[in-house]
Amino acid sequence: MRKITCLIADDEPMALNLIESYVLKTPFLELKAKCSSAIEAMQKLEDDKNIDLFFLDIQMPDLTGLEFSKLLSPESKVIFTTAFDQYAIDGYKVNALDYLLKPFDYTEFLNAATKARNYFEHQQAVPEKPEKKQEFFFVKSEYKQIKINFSEILFIEGLKDYVKIFLKDQPKPILTLMSLKKLEEELPSENFMRIHRSYIIALDKIEAIERNHIVIGDQQIAIAPNYKDSLMEYINGKSF
């Protein structure tokens, strides 16, 4: 795992220097900035938004550590450092990872920092949910917005500035003002392929290939020579 980037904010110079020394001796931490106020920390954050962990004194002039923590993104985490234990509950209300009561030694600091490391390692280990694929789109036709399911498309024919979208179990195609090129860019390439300057087909609707034509239902669609190689590469990949 990469080092955890951190920022320290404390209006007491001795405390600021002590926490800095603790950070510098901790191998998995990288100090990005140390600030004598939350206002200064805000300015540093404008210059460098890639800060994972904030060590914040709670009681600072103008803007408290608690108030500053509420301005941070949800991805950023906070460890509060303070001499006032009555703030502990408030700290956890803003999802602080830990709370260090001054004066604290390096062992206490390291325990809190290790908690932060465990948190970030867990975040990296949790797999992201796969993005749900779009399954439909809308087109304007006959003064209506019509929903088109990808799974129902047989093929699409381009007619200058219009396209005809032929659908399964629909006697008439949907006519809409759109270029075939624009529609090609929006369709998922794993499901659709252009086989002619005027035609895009749904790959799973191919019933047969006869010479230089694709058969879909009762339709024969010509395969243009400059698209044939891509189509045959797909077909060969699906052949036994």
Protein backbone atom coordinates (compact mmCIF):
# COMPACT_ATOMS: atom_id res chain seq x y z
CA MET A 1 0.00 0.00 0.00
CA ARG A 2 1.18 3.54 -0.70
CA LYS A 3 1.92 5.86 2.18
CA ILE A 4 -0.98 7.65 3.86
CA THR A 5 -0.70 11.37 3.15
CA CYS A 6 -1.51 13.57 6.12
CA LEU A 7 -1.84 17.15 7.34
CA ILE A 8 -1.40 18.45 10.90
CA ALA A 9 -3.24 21.50 12.21
CA ASP A 10 -2.58 22.81 15.73
CA ASP A 11 -2.24 26.36 17.04
CA GLU A 12 0.24 25.30 19.75
CA PRO A 13 3.77 25.27 18.28
CA MET A 14 5.08 22.61 20.69
CA ALA A 15 2.19 20.27 19.96
CA LEU A 16 2.55 20.92 16.22
CA ASN A 17 6.25 20.06 16.27
CA LEU A 18 5.69 16.98 18.43
CA ILE A 19 3.05 15.52 16.11
CA GLU A 20 5.30 16.34 13.14
CA SER A 21 8.12 14.31 14.75
CA TYR A 22 5.71 11.41 15.31
CA VAL A 23 4.56 11.48 11.69
CA LEU A 24 8.12 11.60 10.36
CA LYS A 25 9.16 8.52 12.34
CA THR A 26 6.12 6.50 11.21
CA PRO A 27 7.06 4.64 8.00
CA PHE A 28 3.56 4.44 6.51
CA LEU A 29 2.77 8.16 6.91
CA GLU A 30 3.78 10.98 4.57
CA LEU A 31 3.55 14.55 5.86
CA LYS A 32 2.08 16.92 3.31
CA ALA A 33 1.70 20.02 5.47
CA LYS A 34 1.68 21.34 9.02
CA CYS A 35 -0.49 24.33 9.82
CA SER A 36 -0.95 26.58 12.82
CA SER A 37 -4.67 27.10 12.17
CA ALA A 38 -7.63 25.52 10.41
CA ILE A 39 -7.71 28.55 8.08
CA GLU A 40 -4.17 27.79 6.95
CA ALA A 41 -5.15 24.11 6.54
CA MET A 42 -7.99 25.17 4.25
CA GLN A 43 -5.54 27.09 2.08
CA LYS A 44 -3.18 24.10 1.92
CA LEU A 45 -6.07 21.88 0.91
CA GLU A 46 -6.82 24.20 -2.01
CA ASP A 47 -3.28 23.59 -3.30
CA ASP A 48 -3.21 19.85 -2.64
CA LYS A 49 -6.46 17.89 -2.44
CA ASN A 50 -4.71 14.50 -2.22
CA ILE A 51 -4.57 14.31 1.56
CA ASP A 52 -5.93 11.19 3.23
CA LEU A 53 -5.63 11.87 6.94
CA PHE A 54 -5.93 15.00 9.10
CA PHE A 55 -4.56 15.37 12.63
CA LEU A 56 -6.65 18.25 13.95
CA ASP A 57 -6.54 20.12 17.22
CA ILE A 58 -10.13 20.82 18.13
CA GLN A 59 -9.79 24.21 19.80
CA MET A 60 -8.23 26.63 17.30
CA PRO A 61 -9.02 30.32 16.72
CA ASP A 62 -11.44 31.49 13.99
CA LEU A 63 -12.31 27.96 12.86
CA THR A 64 -12.25 24.96 15.17
CA GLY A 65 -11.00 21.54 14.16
CA LEU A 66 -14.55 20.23 14.44
CA GLU A 67 -15.89 22.90 12.10
CA PHE A 68 -13.05 22.32 9.63
CA SER A 69 -13.59 18.53 9.66
CA LYS A 70 -17.16 19.04 8.46
CA LEU A 71 -15.82 20.75 5.32
CA LEU A 72 -13.73 17.74 4.30
CA SER A 73 -14.75 15.18 1.69
CA PRO A 74 -16.12 11.84 2.94
CA GLU A 75 -12.95 10.11 1.67
CA SER A 76 -10.76 12.11 4.06
CA LYS A 77 -10.42 10.88 7.63
CA VAL A 78 -9.68 12.73 10.87
CA ILE A 79 -7.86 12.01 14.11
CA PHE A 80 -8.61 14.72 16.69
CA THR A 81 -5.95 15.88 19.14
CA THR A 82 -7.04 17.97 22.11
CA ALA A 83 -6.55 18.65 25.80
CA PHE A 84 -10.30 18.81 26.38
CA ASP A 85 -11.88 15.40 26.78
CA GLN A 86 -15.41 16.80 26.68
CA TYR A 87 -14.99 17.05 22.93
CA ALA A 88 -14.65 13.27 22.47
CA ILE A 89 -18.30 12.65 21.74
CA ASP A 90 -18.43 15.57 19.31
CA GLY A 91 -15.41 14.10 17.52
CA TYR A 92 -17.14 10.82 16.81
CA LYS A 93 -20.22 12.65 15.53
CA VAL A 94 -18.15 13.70 12.54
CA ASN A 95 -16.79 10.18 11.99
CA ALA A 96 -13.37 10.74 13.49
CA LEU A 97 -11.16 7.66 13.19
CA ASP A 98 -9.73 8.28 16.64
CA TYR A 99 -9.32 10.81 19.41
CA LEU A 100 -6.00 11.57 21.14
CA LEU A 101 -6.08 13.31 24.51
CA LYS A 102 -3.09 15.58 25.13
CA PRO A 103 -0.47 14.94 26.28
CA PHE A 104 -0.11 11.68 24.37
CA ASP A 105 3.06 9.70 23.68
CA TYR A 106 4.26 8.04 20.49
CA THR A 107 2.70 4.69 21.38
CA GLU A 108 -0.74 6.28 21.62
CA PHE A 109 -0.12 8.18 18.38
CA LEU A 110 1.03 5.00 16.62
CA ASN A 111 -2.08 3.12 17.74
CA ALA A 112 -4.28 5.83 16.23
CA ALA A 113 -2.20 5.97 13.03
CA THR A 114 -2.36 2.17 12.73
CA LYS A 115 -6.13 2.37 13.00
CA ALA A 116 -6.03 4.78 10.06
CA ARG A 117 -3.77 2.43 8.07
CA ASN A 118 -6.15 -0.49 8.72
CA TYR A 119 -9.07 1.63 7.57
CA PHE A 120 -7.42 2.64 4.28
CA GLU A 121 -6.18 -0.90 3.61
CA HIS A 122 -9.70 -2.19 4.09
CA GLN A 123 -11.04 0.46 1.69
CA GLN A 124 -8.57 -0.69 -0.96
CA ALA A 125 -9.42 -4.35 -0.39
CA VAL A 126 -13.18 -3.91 -0.80
CA PRO A 127 -13.95 -4.47 -4.50
CA GLU A 128 -15.90 -1.73 -6.20
CA LYS A 129 -19.40 -2.64 -7.25
CA PRO A 130 -19.47 -3.16 -11.00
CA GLU A 131 -21.15 -0.33 -12.79
CA LYS A 132 -24.58 -1.36 -13.93
CA LYS A 133 -24.77 -1.34 -17.69
CA GLN A 134 -27.34 0.84 -19.37
CA GLU A 135 -30.02 -1.36 -20.89
CA PHE A 136 -32.11 1.18 -22.79
CA PHE A 137 -32.25 4.70 -24.23
CA PHE A 138 -34.89 7.14 -25.41
CA VAL A 139 -35.40 8.62 -28.87
CA LYS A 140 -37.79 11.29 -30.07
CA SER A 141 -40.25 10.05 -32.67
CA GLU A 142 -43.64 11.38 -33.71
CA TYR A 143 -43.61 14.01 -30.92
CA LYS A 144 -42.97 11.36 -28.27
CA GLN A 145 -39.96 10.14 -26.32
CA ILE A 146 -39.89 6.40 -27.00
CA LYS A 147 -37.96 3.95 -24.84
CA ILE A 148 -35.77 1.54 -26.80
CA ASN A 149 -34.42 -1.55 -25.05
CA PHE A 150 -31.06 -2.71 -26.40
CA SER A 151 -32.28 -6.30 -26.19
CA GLU A 152 -35.18 -5.60 -28.58
CA ILE A 153 -33.12 -4.06 -31.41
CA LEU A 154 -32.74 -6.22 -34.52
CA PHE A 155 -30.86 -3.76 -36.71
CA ILE A 156 -30.68 -0.05 -37.51
CA GLU A 157 -30.74 1.57 -40.93
CA GLY A 158 -29.27 5.01 -41.61
CA LEU A 159 -31.05 7.43 -43.97
CA LYS A 160 -29.05 10.65 -44.23
CA ASP A 161 -30.08 12.59 -41.10
CA TYR A 162 -32.52 9.94 -39.88
CA VAL A 163 -32.30 6.37 -38.64
CA LYS A 164 -34.82 3.55 -38.66
CA ILE A 165 -34.63 1.30 -35.60
CA PHE A 166 -36.10 -2.14 -36.29
CA LEU A 167 -37.36 -3.88 -33.15
CA LYS A 168 -38.32 -7.43 -32.32
CA ASP A 169 -42.07 -8.05 -32.50
CA GLN A 170 -42.70 -4.55 -33.88
CA PRO A 171 -44.20 -4.39 -37.41
CA LYS A 172 -42.95 -0.85 -38.07
CA PRO A 173 -39.48 0.61 -37.35
CA ILE A 174 -38.98 3.65 -35.13
CA LEU A 175 -37.94 6.68 -37.21
CA THR A 176 -35.90 9.34 -35.41
CA LEU A 177 -33.78 12.35 -36.33
CA MET A 178 -30.21 11.20 -35.59
CA SER A 179 -27.11 10.25 -37.52
CA LEU A 180 -26.08 6.61 -37.70
CA LYS A 181 -22.59 7.60 -36.57
CA LYS A 182 -23.93 9.28 -33.42
CA LEU A 183 -26.05 6.26 -32.57
CA GLU A 184 -23.11 3.93 -33.18
CA GLU A 185 -21.08 5.85 -30.59
CA GLU A 186 -23.84 5.41 -28.00
CA LEU A 187 -24.49 1.70 -28.53
CA PRO A 188 -22.46 -0.88 -26.54
CA SER A 189 -19.82 -2.19 -28.96
CA GLU A 190 -19.94 -5.69 -27.47
CA ASN A 191 -23.57 -6.03 -28.60
CA PHE A 192 -23.73 -4.07 -31.85
CA MET A 193 -21.60 -3.78 -34.98
CA ARG A 194 -21.67 -1.66 -38.08
CA ILE A 195 -21.50 -3.88 -41.18
CA HIS A 196 -22.30 -1.28 -43.82
CA ARG A 197 -22.25 2.50 -44.02
CA SER A 198 -26.05 2.32 -43.74
CA TYR A 199 -26.52 -0.54 -41.25
CA ILE A 200 -25.78 -1.48 -37.66
CA ILE A 201 -26.84 -4.93 -36.51
CA ALA A 202 -27.49 -6.53 -33.12
CA LEU A 203 -24.91 -9.32 -32.98
CA ASP A 204 -27.08 -11.70 -30.99
CA LYS A 205 -29.86 -11.43 -33.58
CA ILE A 206 -27.77 -12.84 -36.45
CA GLU A 207 -29.46 -16.00 -37.72
CA ALA A 208 -27.15 -16.79 -40.61
CA ILE A 209 -24.49 -15.44 -42.95
CA GLU A 210 -25.12 -16.10 -46.61
CA ARG A 211 -22.28 -15.03 -48.89
CA ASN A 212 -22.07 -11.29 -48.32
CA HIS A 213 -25.33 -10.90 -46.39
CA ILE A 214 -26.45 -11.14 -42.78
CA VAL A 215 -29.82 -12.79 -42.22
CA ILE A 216 -31.95 -11.39 -39.40
CA GLY A 217 -35.55 -12.63 -39.52
CA ASP A 218 -36.80 -12.15 -43.04
CA GLN A 219 -34.25 -9.43 -43.75
CA GLN A 220 -31.01 -9.81 -45.70
CA ILE A 221 -28.50 -7.05 -44.93
CA ALA A 222 -25.46 -6.51 -47.10
CA ILE A 223 -21.97 -6.71 -45.56
CA ALA A 224 -19.74 -3.98 -46.98
CA PRO A 225 -16.18 -5.15 -47.85
CA ASN A 226 -14.51 -2.68 -45.46
CA TYR A 227 -16.52 -4.04 -42.50
CA LYS A 228 -16.26 -7.75 -43.36
CA ASP A 229 -12.97 -8.46 -41.53
CA SER A 230 -14.27 -7.15 -38.19
CA LEU A 231 -17.48 -9.12 -38.53
CA MET A 232 -15.70 -12.37 -39.45
CA GLU A 233 -13.29 -11.95 -36.55
CA TYR A 234 -16.31 -11.79 -34.25
CA ILE A 235 -17.99 -14.79 -35.93
CA ASN A 236 -14.82 -16.90 -35.80
CA GLY A 237 -14.49 -16.10 -32.09
CA LYS A 238 -17.95 -17.58 -31.55
CA SER A 239 -17.47 -20.65 -33.78
CA PHE A 240 -16.69 -24.23 -32.71
